[in-house]
Amino acid sequence: MDDGTSQSSGLSLATHSFTRAEVEFLGKVLWNKYGIRTSLHRPRSYKDQYYLYIRAESMPLLADLIYPYIHPSMRRK
């Protein structure tokens, strides 16, 4: 429940410990299986670390998918 952060109107997933290929694969799976649009980003201060950004237009779909699994105390976030 704590491996991401809201950014603008989307969500950044903390995938920094994965390779670029693994993060790209995750983005493709989210698109192919759920229709969730993502983009790959690399912080300027990190050469070989990437994070996956879930775009704002996919946030309602993501919320519907994960809501049943979120602990009630975390739903306010």
N, C-alpha and C. Protein backbone atom coordinates (compact mmCIF):
# COMPACT_ATOMS: atom_id res chain seq x y z
N MET A 1 0.81 -1.19 0.00
CA MET A 1 0.00 0.00 0.00
C MET A 1 0.86 1.26 0.00
N ASP A 2 2.17 1.11 -0.06
CA ASP A 2 3.00 2.29 0.07
C ASP A 2 4.15 2.30 -0.93
N ASP A 3 3.97 1.75 -2.11
CA ASP A 3 5.04 1.73 -3.10
C ASP A 3 4.75 2.63 -4.28
N GLY A 4 4.11 3.75 -4.01
CA GLY A 4 3.81 4.70 -5.05
C GLY A 4 3.45 6.04 -4.44
N THR A 5 3.28 7.01 -5.31
CA THR A 5 2.92 8.34 -4.84
C THR A 5 2.08 9.04 -5.91
N SER A 6 1.16 9.87 -5.48
CA SER A 6 0.39 10.63 -6.46
C SER A 6 1.29 11.70 -7.05
N GLN A 7 1.12 11.91 -8.33
CA GLN A 7 1.94 12.89 -9.03
C GLN A 7 1.04 13.51 -10.09
N SER A 8 0.84 14.80 -10.01
CA SER A 8 -0.14 15.49 -10.85
C SER A 8 -1.49 14.83 -10.60
N SER A 9 -2.12 14.31 -11.63
CA SER A 9 -3.39 13.61 -11.47
C SER A 9 -3.22 12.11 -11.65
N GLY A 10 -1.98 11.65 -11.74
CA GLY A 10 -1.70 10.24 -11.94
C GLY A 10 -1.01 9.62 -10.74
N LEU A 11 -0.32 8.52 -10.98
CA LEU A 11 0.32 7.77 -9.91
C LEU A 11 1.67 7.27 -10.38
N SER A 12 2.70 7.48 -9.57
CA SER A 12 4.02 6.94 -9.86
C SER A 12 4.24 5.71 -9.00
N LEU A 13 4.59 4.60 -9.64
CA LEU A 13 4.88 3.38 -8.91
C LEU A 13 6.39 3.28 -8.68
N ALA A 14 6.79 2.92 -7.48
CA ALA A 14 8.20 2.82 -7.12
C ALA A 14 8.77 1.52 -7.66
N THR A 15 9.23 1.57 -8.90
CA THR A 15 9.80 0.40 -9.56
C THR A 15 11.30 0.59 -9.76
N HIS A 16 11.92 1.38 -8.92
CA HIS A 16 13.33 1.75 -9.08
C HIS A 16 14.30 0.57 -9.03
N SER A 17 13.93 -0.50 -8.36
CA SER A 17 14.85 -1.63 -8.23
C SER A 17 14.74 -2.61 -9.40
N PHE A 18 13.88 -2.34 -10.37
CA PHE A 18 13.72 -3.21 -11.52
C PHE A 18 14.47 -2.64 -12.71
N THR A 19 14.80 -3.51 -13.66
CA THR A 19 15.47 -3.05 -14.87
C THR A 19 14.48 -2.33 -15.77
N ARG A 20 15.02 -1.62 -16.73
CA ARG A 20 14.15 -0.91 -17.69
C ARG A 20 13.23 -1.90 -18.41
N ALA A 21 13.77 -3.03 -18.83
CA ALA A 21 12.97 -4.04 -19.53
C ALA A 21 11.84 -4.56 -18.65
N GLU A 22 12.09 -4.76 -17.37
CA GLU A 22 11.06 -5.25 -16.46
C GLU A 22 9.95 -4.22 -16.26
N VAL A 23 10.33 -2.95 -16.15
CA VAL A 23 9.34 -1.89 -15.97
C VAL A 23 8.51 -1.72 -17.25
N GLU A 24 9.16 -1.82 -18.40
CA GLU A 24 8.43 -1.75 -19.67
C GLU A 24 7.46 -2.93 -19.79
N PHE A 25 7.90 -4.10 -19.36
CA PHE A 25 7.04 -5.28 -19.39
C PHE A 25 5.81 -5.08 -18.51
N LEU A 26 6.00 -4.55 -17.32
CA LEU A 26 4.88 -4.28 -16.42
C LEU A 26 3.90 -3.31 -17.06
N GLY A 27 4.42 -2.27 -17.69
CA GLY A 27 3.55 -1.32 -18.39
C GLY A 27 2.74 -1.99 -19.48
N LYS A 28 3.36 -2.90 -20.24
CA LYS A 28 2.65 -3.61 -21.31
C LYS A 28 1.58 -4.53 -20.74
N VAL A 29 1.88 -5.19 -19.63
CA VAL A 29 0.89 -6.06 -19.00
C VAL A 29 -0.31 -5.25 -18.53
N LEU A 30 -0.06 -4.12 -17.89
CA LEU A 30 -1.16 -3.28 -17.43
C LEU A 30 -2.02 -2.80 -18.59
N TRP A 31 -1.39 -2.49 -19.72
CA TRP A 31 -2.15 -2.05 -20.89
C TRP A 31 -2.94 -3.21 -21.51
N ASN A 32 -2.26 -4.33 -21.76
CA ASN A 32 -2.89 -5.46 -22.45
C ASN A 32 -3.99 -6.13 -21.63
N LYS A 33 -3.79 -6.23 -20.33
CA LYS A 33 -4.75 -6.94 -19.50
C LYS A 33 -5.87 -6.04 -18.98
N TYR A 34 -5.53 -4.79 -18.64
CA TYR A 34 -6.51 -3.92 -17.98
C TYR A 34 -6.82 -2.63 -18.73
N GLY A 35 -6.07 -2.31 -19.77
CA GLY A 35 -6.29 -1.07 -20.51
C GLY A 35 -5.78 0.16 -19.77
N ILE A 36 -4.84 -0.04 -18.86
CA ILE A 36 -4.27 1.06 -18.07
C ILE A 36 -3.09 1.65 -18.84
N ARG A 37 -3.16 2.95 -19.10
CA ARG A 37 -2.11 3.65 -19.84
C ARG A 37 -1.00 4.08 -18.88
N THR A 38 0.23 3.77 -19.26
CA THR A 38 1.39 4.09 -18.43
C THR A 38 2.46 4.75 -19.29
N SER A 39 3.45 5.31 -18.62
CA SER A 39 4.65 5.79 -19.30
C SER A 39 5.84 5.54 -18.39
N LEU A 40 6.99 5.40 -19.00
CA LEU A 40 8.23 5.11 -18.29
C LEU A 40 8.97 6.42 -18.04
N HIS A 41 9.46 6.60 -16.83
CA HIS A 41 10.21 7.81 -16.48
C HIS A 41 11.49 7.44 -15.77
N ARG A 42 12.49 8.30 -15.91
CA ARG A 42 13.76 8.12 -15.22
C ARG A 42 14.09 9.43 -14.51
N PRO A 43 14.22 9.36 -13.18
CA PRO A 43 14.60 10.58 -12.47
C PRO A 43 15.97 11.07 -12.94
N ARG A 44 16.14 12.36 -13.02
CA ARG A 44 17.41 12.92 -13.50
C ARG A 44 18.60 12.51 -12.66
N SER A 45 18.39 12.33 -11.38
CA SER A 45 19.50 12.03 -10.49
C SER A 45 19.89 10.55 -10.47
N TYR A 46 19.13 9.69 -11.18
CA TYR A 46 19.42 8.26 -11.18
C TYR A 46 19.61 7.78 -12.61
N LYS A 47 20.77 7.22 -12.89
CA LYS A 47 21.11 6.82 -14.25
C LYS A 47 20.35 5.57 -14.71
N ASP A 48 20.27 4.55 -13.86
CA ASP A 48 19.70 3.27 -14.27
C ASP A 48 18.47 2.88 -13.48
N GLN A 49 17.70 3.85 -13.02
CA GLN A 49 16.50 3.54 -12.26
C GLN A 49 15.31 4.18 -12.96
N TYR A 50 14.21 3.42 -13.01
CA TYR A 50 13.03 3.88 -13.73
C TYR A 50 11.79 3.71 -12.86
N TYR A 51 10.82 4.56 -13.10
CA TYR A 51 9.54 4.36 -12.43
C TYR A 51 8.43 4.42 -13.46
N LEU A 52 7.35 3.76 -13.13
CA LEU A 52 6.21 3.67 -14.02
C LEU A 52 5.16 4.67 -13.57
N TYR A 53 4.71 5.48 -14.50
CA TYR A 53 3.70 6.49 -14.21
C TYR A 53 2.38 6.03 -14.82
N ILE A 54 1.34 5.95 -14.01
CA ILE A 54 0.00 5.63 -14.50
C ILE A 54 -0.68 6.96 -14.80
N ARG A 55 -1.11 7.11 -16.03
CA ARG A 55 -1.66 8.38 -16.49
C ARG A 55 -3.01 8.70 -15.86
N ALA A 56 -3.31 9.96 -15.80
CA ALA A 56 -4.52 10.45 -15.15
C ALA A 56 -5.79 9.80 -15.71
N GLU A 57 -5.85 9.62 -17.03
CA GLU A 57 -7.06 9.06 -17.62
C GLU A 57 -7.30 7.61 -17.22
N SER A 58 -6.28 6.94 -16.70
CA SER A 58 -6.42 5.55 -16.26
C SER A 58 -6.69 5.42 -14.77
N MET A 59 -6.65 6.51 -14.04
CA MET A 59 -6.83 6.44 -12.59
C MET A 59 -8.20 5.91 -12.16
N PRO A 60 -9.31 6.30 -12.80
CA PRO A 60 -10.60 5.71 -12.40
C PRO A 60 -10.64 4.20 -12.59
N LEU A 61 -10.07 3.71 -13.69
CA LEU A 61 -10.02 2.27 -13.94
C LEU A 61 -9.16 1.57 -12.89
N LEU A 62 -8.01 2.12 -12.59
CA LEU A 62 -7.14 1.55 -11.57
C LEU A 62 -7.83 1.52 -10.21
N ALA A 63 -8.50 2.61 -9.87
CA ALA A 63 -9.20 2.69 -8.59
C ALA A 63 -10.26 1.59 -8.48
N ASP A 64 -11.01 1.37 -9.55
CA ASP A 64 -12.03 0.32 -9.54
C ASP A 64 -11.42 -1.06 -9.37
N LEU A 65 -10.24 -1.27 -9.98
CA LEU A 65 -9.59 -2.58 -9.90
C LEU A 65 -9.02 -2.88 -8.51
N ILE A 66 -8.44 -1.89 -7.86
CA ILE A 66 -7.73 -2.17 -6.60
C ILE A 66 -8.55 -1.87 -5.35
N TYR A 67 -9.66 -1.16 -5.48
CA TYR A 67 -10.43 -0.76 -4.30
C TYR A 67 -10.78 -1.93 -3.37
N PRO A 68 -11.21 -3.08 -3.89
CA PRO A 68 -11.58 -4.19 -2.98
C PRO A 68 -10.40 -4.71 -2.15
N TYR A 69 -9.17 -4.42 -2.58
CA TYR A 69 -7.99 -4.96 -1.91
C TYR A 69 -7.32 -3.97 -0.96
N ILE A 70 -7.81 -2.74 -0.95
CA ILE A 70 -7.21 -1.72 -0.09
C ILE A 70 -7.79 -1.83 1.32
N HIS A 71 -6.90 -1.84 2.28
CA HIS A 71 -7.33 -1.89 3.68
C HIS A 71 -8.16 -0.63 3.96
N PRO A 72 -9.27 -0.79 4.70
CA PRO A 72 -10.15 0.36 4.96
C PRO A 72 -9.44 1.59 5.53
N SER A 73 -8.42 1.38 6.33
CA SER A 73 -7.71 2.53 6.90
C SER A 73 -6.88 3.29 5.85
N MET A 74 -6.63 2.67 4.70
CA MET A 74 -5.84 3.32 3.66
C MET A 74 -6.71 3.94 2.57
N ARG A 75 -7.99 3.75 2.58
CA ARG A 75 -8.86 4.22 1.50
C ARG A 75 -8.96 5.74 1.42
N ARG A 76 -8.72 6.41 2.50
CA ARG A 76 -8.79 7.87 2.48
C ARG A 76 -7.67 8.49 1.66
N LYS A 77 -6.59 7.76 1.46
CA LYS A 77 -5.45 8.28 0.71
C LYS A 77 -5.73 8.18 -0.75
